[in-house]
Amino acid sequence: MLPLRVYNPSFRLPLVNSLLLAVNLVVFFYLMALPGQEVTNLVLKYGAVPEKVWQGESWWSVLTAMFVHDVNRTPHIILNMLTLAIFGGNIEGALGHFRYLAFYLLGGLIAAMTHVSIWHGQSAAMIGASGAISAVMGAYLVIYPRCTVLFFTPFLGLMRQPVLVYMFIWFAVQIGYGYVRLKQGDGGGVAWFAHLGGFVAGIALVKPLQILKIHSSRRQAHVAAPGRVGQDRQTIL
């Protein structure tokens, strides 16, 4: 499924989302410029290898892995960055810059750990931003379920449906393929359970963070109000 547009204009410049897009693309093009063996070494170093992470080695790789993409799978990073560009800006607007960054990283971390916990005996490195982006999608479902999204599917062509429908189809696909891989005992290829873990994390995390933003805004307004009143009184007196 390829999202093309969401009919929900953002009125705030998505600085963090733009930065995340830039970092992912810079890393991708940097890796493309390197010799093949060097790329492999870096992927093994910065990708999340379930076996190593489960044993307490390279624990930091669950964070670095979300900024590394396979240079041999260009469509993957195109899909990821397009999805992030379409959905991420509105979530950043809803949470604020710093909360959105924390949300993105935590969502990606939970997604990676979901994959690691299920495939902890695997030695294949997990890379890509899909888990963190899945968290963004989960958040979008919670905050904007009735917004309309234009997307393309291989079998049905162009569709324009509510976000709720789009996310339901997407989630069903992840469960289906994840179940097949689980039955086969193969955790390689697409990290379906990372997608699912990130999506659920996004659903669970976004509302508390949004409430924190509202409370923070109210506190700032409350602190600022007495100062303005005092200034008004001084002017009147």
Foldseek 3Di string as FASTA:
>chain_A
DAFDAWPDDFPDPQPQLVVLLVLLVVQLVVLVPDDPVVSVVVLLQLFAFLQQCVVVHSVVSLQSQASDDDNVCVVQSVRLSNLSVRQVRVLCSLQPRVLSVVLLRVLSSQLSVQLSVLLNVGGDGHHHNLRSSLLSLLLCCQPQQQIWIWGQDPPPGIDIGGSVVVVVVVLVVLVVVVVVCVVVVHCDDDNSSSSVRSNVSSNVPSVVSSVVVVVVVVVVVVVVVVVVVVVVVVVVD
